N, C-alpha and C. Protein backbone atom coordinates (compact mmCIF):
# COMPACT_ATOMS: atom_id res chain seq x y z
N ALA A 1 -17.48 -69.96 264.20
CA ALA A 1 -16.56 -71.10 264.25
C ALA A 1 -17.08 -72.20 263.33
N HIS A 2 -16.16 -72.80 262.58
CA HIS A 2 -16.57 -73.88 261.71
C HIS A 2 -15.39 -74.79 261.42
N LEU A 3 -15.69 -75.88 260.70
CA LEU A 3 -14.69 -76.86 260.35
C LEU A 3 -14.47 -76.84 258.85
N VAL A 4 -13.24 -77.03 258.45
CA VAL A 4 -12.90 -77.04 257.03
C VAL A 4 -12.27 -78.38 256.69
N GLU A 5 -12.90 -79.11 255.77
CA GLU A 5 -12.40 -80.42 255.36
C GLU A 5 -11.68 -80.31 254.02
N SER A 6 -10.76 -81.20 253.83
CA SER A 6 -10.07 -81.31 252.54
C SER A 6 -9.53 -82.72 252.39
N GLY A 7 -9.07 -83.03 251.18
CA GLY A 7 -8.40 -84.29 250.96
C GLY A 7 -9.20 -85.31 250.16
N GLY A 8 -10.46 -85.01 249.86
CA GLY A 8 -11.25 -85.95 249.08
C GLY A 8 -10.78 -85.99 247.63
N GLY A 9 -11.34 -86.92 246.88
CA GLY A 9 -10.99 -87.03 245.47
C GLY A 9 -11.39 -88.37 244.90
N LEU A 10 -10.86 -88.63 243.71
CA LEU A 10 -11.11 -89.88 243.01
C LEU A 10 -9.90 -90.79 243.17
N VAL A 11 -10.14 -92.01 243.57
CA VAL A 11 -9.05 -92.96 243.78
C VAL A 11 -9.50 -94.34 243.31
N GLN A 12 -8.57 -95.13 242.85
CA GLN A 12 -8.88 -96.49 242.42
C GLN A 12 -9.06 -97.42 243.61
N PRO A 13 -9.81 -98.49 243.45
CA PRO A 13 -9.92 -99.49 244.53
C PRO A 13 -8.54 -99.95 244.97
N GLY A 14 -8.38 -100.05 246.29
CA GLY A 14 -7.09 -100.41 246.84
C GLY A 14 -6.20 -99.22 247.16
N GLY A 15 -6.60 -98.05 246.71
CA GLY A 15 -5.81 -96.85 246.93
C GLY A 15 -6.04 -96.24 248.30
N SER A 16 -5.39 -95.11 248.53
CA SER A 16 -5.46 -94.43 249.83
C SER A 16 -5.75 -92.95 249.65
N LEU A 17 -6.37 -92.38 250.65
CA LEU A 17 -6.59 -90.94 250.75
C LEU A 17 -6.45 -90.56 252.22
N ARG A 18 -6.06 -89.31 252.46
CA ARG A 18 -6.06 -88.77 253.81
C ARG A 18 -6.93 -87.53 253.84
N LEU A 19 -7.99 -87.59 254.63
CA LEU A 19 -8.86 -86.45 254.81
C LEU A 19 -8.37 -85.61 255.99
N SER A 20 -8.51 -84.30 255.86
CA SER A 20 -8.13 -83.37 256.93
C SER A 20 -9.33 -82.56 257.36
N CYS A 21 -9.38 -82.23 258.64
CA CYS A 21 -10.44 -81.41 259.20
C CYS A 21 -9.78 -80.40 260.13
N THR A 22 -9.84 -79.14 259.77
CA THR A 22 -9.19 -78.09 260.54
C THR A 22 -10.22 -77.19 261.19
N GLY A 23 -9.99 -76.87 262.44
CA GLY A 23 -10.89 -76.00 263.16
C GLY A 23 -10.60 -74.54 262.85
N ASP A 24 -11.62 -73.78 262.52
CA ASP A 24 -11.50 -72.35 262.27
C ASP A 24 -12.33 -71.64 263.33
N GLY A 25 -11.67 -71.15 264.36
CA GLY A 25 -12.40 -70.52 265.45
C GLY A 25 -12.75 -71.46 266.59
N LEU A 26 -12.32 -72.70 266.50
CA LEU A 26 -12.49 -73.61 267.63
C LEU A 26 -11.27 -74.51 267.73
N THR A 27 -10.90 -74.83 268.94
CA THR A 27 -9.71 -75.63 269.22
C THR A 27 -10.11 -77.09 269.32
N LEU A 28 -9.74 -77.88 268.32
CA LEU A 28 -10.23 -79.25 268.24
C LEU A 28 -9.77 -80.11 269.41
N ALA A 29 -8.68 -79.75 270.05
CA ALA A 29 -8.22 -80.52 271.20
C ALA A 29 -9.23 -80.48 272.35
N GLU A 30 -10.14 -79.54 272.32
CA GLU A 30 -11.15 -79.40 273.36
C GLU A 30 -12.46 -80.10 273.01
N TYR A 31 -12.47 -80.82 271.89
CA TYR A 31 -13.69 -81.45 271.41
C TYR A 31 -13.47 -82.93 271.11
N SER A 32 -14.54 -83.69 271.24
CA SER A 32 -14.56 -85.00 270.61
C SER A 32 -14.79 -84.77 269.11
N VAL A 33 -14.09 -85.53 268.30
CA VAL A 33 -14.17 -85.32 266.85
C VAL A 33 -14.58 -86.62 266.17
N GLY A 34 -15.43 -86.49 265.18
CA GLY A 34 -15.89 -87.67 264.47
C GLY A 34 -15.89 -87.45 262.97
N TRP A 35 -15.77 -88.54 262.25
CA TRP A 35 -15.92 -88.56 260.80
C TRP A 35 -17.17 -89.35 260.47
N PHE A 36 -17.98 -88.80 259.59
CA PHE A 36 -19.21 -89.42 259.14
C PHE A 36 -19.22 -89.43 257.62
N ARG A 37 -20.06 -90.26 257.03
CA ARG A 37 -20.18 -90.26 255.58
C ARG A 37 -21.61 -90.51 255.16
N GLN A 38 -21.93 -90.03 253.99
CA GLN A 38 -23.26 -90.24 253.43
C GLN A 38 -23.13 -90.56 251.95
N ALA A 39 -23.57 -91.75 251.60
CA ALA A 39 -23.58 -92.18 250.21
C ALA A 39 -24.93 -91.84 249.60
N PRO A 40 -24.99 -91.71 248.27
CA PRO A 40 -26.26 -91.38 247.61
C PRO A 40 -27.36 -92.38 247.99
N GLY A 41 -28.50 -91.86 248.41
CA GLY A 41 -29.63 -92.70 248.74
C GLY A 41 -29.54 -93.41 250.07
N LYS A 42 -28.50 -93.10 250.84
CA LYS A 42 -28.32 -93.75 252.15
C LYS A 42 -28.28 -92.71 253.26
N GLU A 43 -28.52 -93.18 254.48
CA GLU A 43 -28.43 -92.30 255.64
C GLU A 43 -26.97 -92.05 255.99
N ARG A 44 -26.75 -90.94 256.67
CA ARG A 44 -25.40 -90.64 257.14
C ARG A 44 -25.01 -91.65 258.21
N GLU A 45 -23.78 -92.13 258.16
CA GLU A 45 -23.31 -93.12 259.13
C GLU A 45 -22.00 -92.67 259.76
N GLY A 46 -21.80 -93.08 260.99
CA GLY A 46 -20.56 -92.78 261.67
C GLY A 46 -19.45 -93.69 261.17
N VAL A 47 -18.31 -93.12 260.89
CA VAL A 47 -17.15 -93.88 260.41
C VAL A 47 -16.13 -94.08 261.52
N SER A 48 -15.80 -92.99 262.19
CA SER A 48 -14.80 -93.06 263.25
C SER A 48 -14.97 -91.84 264.15
N CYS A 49 -14.64 -92.00 265.41
CA CYS A 49 -14.63 -90.85 266.30
C CYS A 49 -13.57 -91.03 267.37
N ASN A 50 -13.16 -89.93 267.94
CA ASN A 50 -12.12 -89.92 268.96
C ASN A 50 -12.57 -88.97 270.06
N SER A 51 -12.57 -89.46 271.29
CA SER A 51 -13.06 -88.64 272.39
C SER A 51 -12.11 -87.49 272.69
N VAL A 52 -12.62 -86.48 273.39
CA VAL A 52 -11.83 -85.29 273.68
C VAL A 52 -10.59 -85.64 274.47
N SER A 53 -10.68 -86.65 275.32
CA SER A 53 -9.52 -87.06 276.11
C SER A 53 -8.57 -87.92 275.30
N GLY A 54 -9.04 -88.40 274.16
CA GLY A 54 -8.23 -89.31 273.37
C GLY A 54 -8.26 -90.74 273.87
N GLY A 55 -9.00 -90.98 274.97
CA GLY A 55 -9.02 -92.30 275.56
C GLY A 55 -9.96 -93.28 274.90
N PHE A 56 -10.83 -92.81 274.03
CA PHE A 56 -11.78 -93.68 273.36
C PHE A 56 -11.77 -93.39 271.88
N THR A 57 -11.65 -94.42 271.11
CA THR A 57 -11.70 -94.32 269.66
C THR A 57 -12.64 -95.38 269.12
N TYR A 58 -13.48 -94.98 268.19
CA TYR A 58 -14.46 -95.88 267.58
C TYR A 58 -14.21 -95.96 266.08
N TYR A 59 -14.38 -97.16 265.56
CA TYR A 59 -14.39 -97.38 264.11
C TYR A 59 -15.60 -98.23 263.76
N ALA A 60 -16.27 -97.87 262.69
CA ALA A 60 -17.32 -98.73 262.17
C ALA A 60 -16.70 -100.06 261.71
N ASP A 61 -17.46 -101.13 261.82
CA ASP A 61 -16.93 -102.44 261.44
C ASP A 61 -16.44 -102.44 259.99
N SER A 62 -17.12 -101.69 259.14
CA SER A 62 -16.80 -101.70 257.71
C SER A 62 -15.44 -101.08 257.39
N VAL A 63 -14.87 -100.31 258.34
CA VAL A 63 -13.60 -99.63 258.06
C VAL A 63 -12.48 -100.07 259.00
N LYS A 64 -12.78 -100.92 259.97
CA LYS A 64 -11.75 -101.36 260.91
C LYS A 64 -10.59 -102.01 260.17
N GLY A 65 -9.39 -101.63 260.56
CA GLY A 65 -8.20 -102.17 259.94
C GLY A 65 -7.79 -101.44 258.67
N ARG A 66 -8.64 -100.55 258.18
CA ARG A 66 -8.33 -99.82 256.95
C ARG A 66 -8.22 -98.32 257.19
N PHE A 67 -9.03 -97.78 258.11
CA PHE A 67 -9.06 -96.34 258.39
C PHE A 67 -8.43 -96.07 259.75
N THR A 68 -7.79 -94.91 259.86
CA THR A 68 -7.19 -94.49 261.13
C THR A 68 -7.48 -93.02 261.36
N ILE A 69 -8.02 -92.70 262.54
CA ILE A 69 -8.25 -91.31 262.92
C ILE A 69 -7.08 -90.85 263.78
N SER A 70 -6.66 -89.60 263.58
CA SER A 70 -5.54 -89.08 264.37
C SER A 70 -5.69 -87.56 264.50
N ARG A 71 -4.97 -87.02 265.46
CA ARG A 71 -5.02 -85.57 265.69
C ARG A 71 -3.60 -84.99 265.62
N ASP A 72 -3.50 -83.78 265.14
CA ASP A 72 -2.27 -83.00 265.25
C ASP A 72 -2.66 -81.69 265.92
N THR A 73 -2.45 -81.61 267.23
CA THR A 73 -2.89 -80.43 267.96
C THR A 73 -2.11 -79.19 267.56
N THR A 74 -0.89 -79.36 267.08
CA THR A 74 -0.11 -78.19 266.66
C THR A 74 -0.70 -77.53 265.42
N LYS A 75 -1.43 -78.31 264.64
CA LYS A 75 -2.06 -77.78 263.43
C LYS A 75 -3.57 -77.63 263.59
N ASN A 76 -4.07 -77.95 264.79
CA ASN A 76 -5.51 -77.87 265.05
C ASN A 76 -6.30 -78.66 263.99
N THR A 77 -5.81 -79.84 263.70
CA THR A 77 -6.34 -80.64 262.60
C THR A 77 -6.52 -82.08 263.03
N VAL A 78 -7.59 -82.68 262.53
CA VAL A 78 -7.85 -84.11 262.72
C VAL A 78 -7.82 -84.76 261.34
N TYR A 79 -7.25 -85.95 261.27
CA TYR A 79 -7.09 -86.64 260.01
C TYR A 79 -7.88 -87.95 260.01
N LEU A 80 -8.24 -88.37 258.81
CA LEU A 80 -8.76 -89.72 258.62
C LEU A 80 -7.94 -90.34 257.49
N GLN A 81 -7.04 -91.23 257.87
CA GLN A 81 -6.24 -91.94 256.88
C GLN A 81 -7.05 -93.14 256.40
N MET A 82 -7.27 -93.22 255.12
CA MET A 82 -8.10 -94.27 254.54
C MET A 82 -7.25 -95.09 253.58
N ASN A 83 -7.05 -96.35 253.91
CA ASN A 83 -6.26 -97.25 253.09
C ASN A 83 -7.14 -98.35 252.52
N ASN A 84 -6.62 -99.01 251.48
CA ASN A 84 -7.32 -100.12 250.86
C ASN A 84 -8.79 -99.77 250.59
N LEU A 85 -8.98 -98.65 249.95
CA LEU A 85 -10.33 -98.16 249.72
C LEU A 85 -11.10 -99.07 248.78
N GLU A 86 -12.40 -99.13 249.05
CA GLU A 86 -13.32 -99.98 248.28
C GLU A 86 -14.40 -99.10 247.64
N PRO A 87 -15.00 -99.56 246.56
CA PRO A 87 -16.08 -98.77 245.94
C PRO A 87 -17.19 -98.42 246.94
N GLU A 88 -17.40 -99.30 247.93
CA GLU A 88 -18.43 -99.05 248.94
C GLU A 88 -18.09 -97.88 249.86
N ASP A 89 -16.86 -97.40 249.81
CA ASP A 89 -16.47 -96.25 250.62
C ASP A 89 -16.83 -94.93 249.94
N THR A 90 -17.32 -94.99 248.72
CA THR A 90 -17.72 -93.78 248.01
C THR A 90 -18.83 -93.06 248.75
N ALA A 91 -18.60 -91.80 249.08
CA ALA A 91 -19.57 -91.01 249.85
C ALA A 91 -19.03 -89.60 250.02
N VAL A 92 -19.89 -88.73 250.54
CA VAL A 92 -19.43 -87.43 251.04
C VAL A 92 -19.05 -87.63 252.50
N TYR A 93 -17.86 -87.24 252.84
CA TYR A 93 -17.35 -87.40 254.20
C TYR A 93 -17.40 -86.06 254.93
N TYR A 94 -17.90 -86.12 256.16
CA TYR A 94 -18.04 -84.93 256.99
C TYR A 94 -17.29 -85.13 258.30
N CYS A 95 -16.69 -84.08 258.80
CA CYS A 95 -16.16 -84.13 260.15
C CYS A 95 -17.07 -83.31 261.05
N ALA A 96 -17.06 -83.65 262.33
CA ALA A 96 -17.87 -82.97 263.32
C ALA A 96 -17.09 -82.87 264.61
N ALA A 97 -17.34 -81.80 265.36
CA ALA A 97 -16.68 -81.59 266.64
C ALA A 97 -17.74 -81.32 267.69
N ALA A 98 -17.73 -82.12 268.74
CA ALA A 98 -18.74 -82.02 269.80
C ALA A 98 -18.06 -81.76 271.14
N GLU A 99 -18.67 -80.88 271.91
CA GLU A 99 -18.16 -80.62 273.26
C GLU A 99 -18.44 -81.82 274.14
N ALA A 100 -17.63 -81.99 275.16
CA ALA A 100 -17.81 -83.09 276.11
C ALA A 100 -19.21 -83.03 276.70
N GLY A 101 -19.88 -84.18 276.71
CA GLY A 101 -21.21 -84.25 277.28
C GLY A 101 -22.31 -83.89 276.30
N HIS A 102 -21.95 -83.54 275.10
CA HIS A 102 -22.93 -83.18 274.07
C HIS A 102 -22.92 -84.21 272.95
N GLY A 103 -24.07 -84.41 272.35
CA GLY A 103 -24.17 -85.36 271.26
C GLY A 103 -23.81 -84.74 269.93
N TRP A 104 -23.74 -85.60 268.91
CA TRP A 104 -23.35 -85.12 267.58
C TRP A 104 -24.40 -84.17 267.01
N GLU A 105 -25.63 -84.26 267.49
CA GLU A 105 -26.66 -83.34 266.98
C GLU A 105 -26.37 -81.90 267.37
N ASP A 106 -25.55 -81.70 268.38
CA ASP A 106 -25.18 -80.36 268.83
C ASP A 106 -23.80 -79.94 268.32
N ALA A 107 -23.19 -80.78 267.49
CA ALA A 107 -21.81 -80.56 267.07
C ALA A 107 -21.70 -79.49 265.98
N SER A 108 -20.50 -79.00 265.79
CA SER A 108 -20.16 -78.18 264.62
C SER A 108 -19.78 -79.14 263.50
N TRP A 109 -20.24 -78.85 262.30
CA TRP A 109 -20.03 -79.76 261.17
C TRP A 109 -19.29 -79.03 260.05
N GLY A 110 -18.50 -79.80 259.32
CA GLY A 110 -17.86 -79.28 258.13
C GLY A 110 -18.80 -79.36 256.93
N GLN A 111 -18.31 -78.88 255.80
CA GLN A 111 -19.15 -78.79 254.60
C GLN A 111 -19.16 -80.09 253.81
N GLY A 112 -18.25 -80.98 254.14
CA GLY A 112 -18.19 -82.26 253.44
C GLY A 112 -17.17 -82.26 252.32
N THR A 113 -16.59 -83.43 252.08
CA THR A 113 -15.64 -83.60 250.98
C THR A 113 -15.97 -84.93 250.29
N GLN A 114 -15.99 -84.92 248.96
CA GLN A 114 -16.40 -86.09 248.19
C GLN A 114 -15.24 -87.07 248.05
N VAL A 115 -15.52 -88.33 248.34
CA VAL A 115 -14.59 -89.41 248.10
C VAL A 115 -15.23 -90.38 247.12
N THR A 116 -14.56 -90.62 246.01
CA THR A 116 -15.08 -91.54 245.00
C THR A 116 -14.03 -92.61 244.74
N VAL A 117 -14.44 -93.86 244.92
CA VAL A 117 -13.54 -94.99 244.70
C VAL A 117 -14.06 -95.75 243.49
N SER A 118 -13.30 -95.68 242.42
CA SER A 118 -13.75 -96.27 241.17
C SER A 118 -12.56 -96.52 240.26
N SER A 119 -12.67 -97.58 239.48
CA SER A 119 -11.63 -97.86 238.49
C SER A 119 -11.98 -97.25 237.15
């Protein structure tokens, strides 16, 4: 079982991208799902996550009001809509799926997708 990410690319400042994370062999509706990113020379940081029940959603302060996490259970896919992108958002973005009661260190992770924000 693994996760497949897509949707990264090169975009100008102020632009938008939508990242997708699809479960292959696991049903994402049964997991808490998170988006993380890692920029060159920096540690991986949490961007957004959504609990398995859907009752809790987290956004990092740096992306609040610009990014939105959502699920489409019919497609077994979780999205990260990113608007008003800034050069500081440039990073490899990863999705992760964790079972209830388990931390992200025990999660299934995707391979990552590159997001570059540059004029």
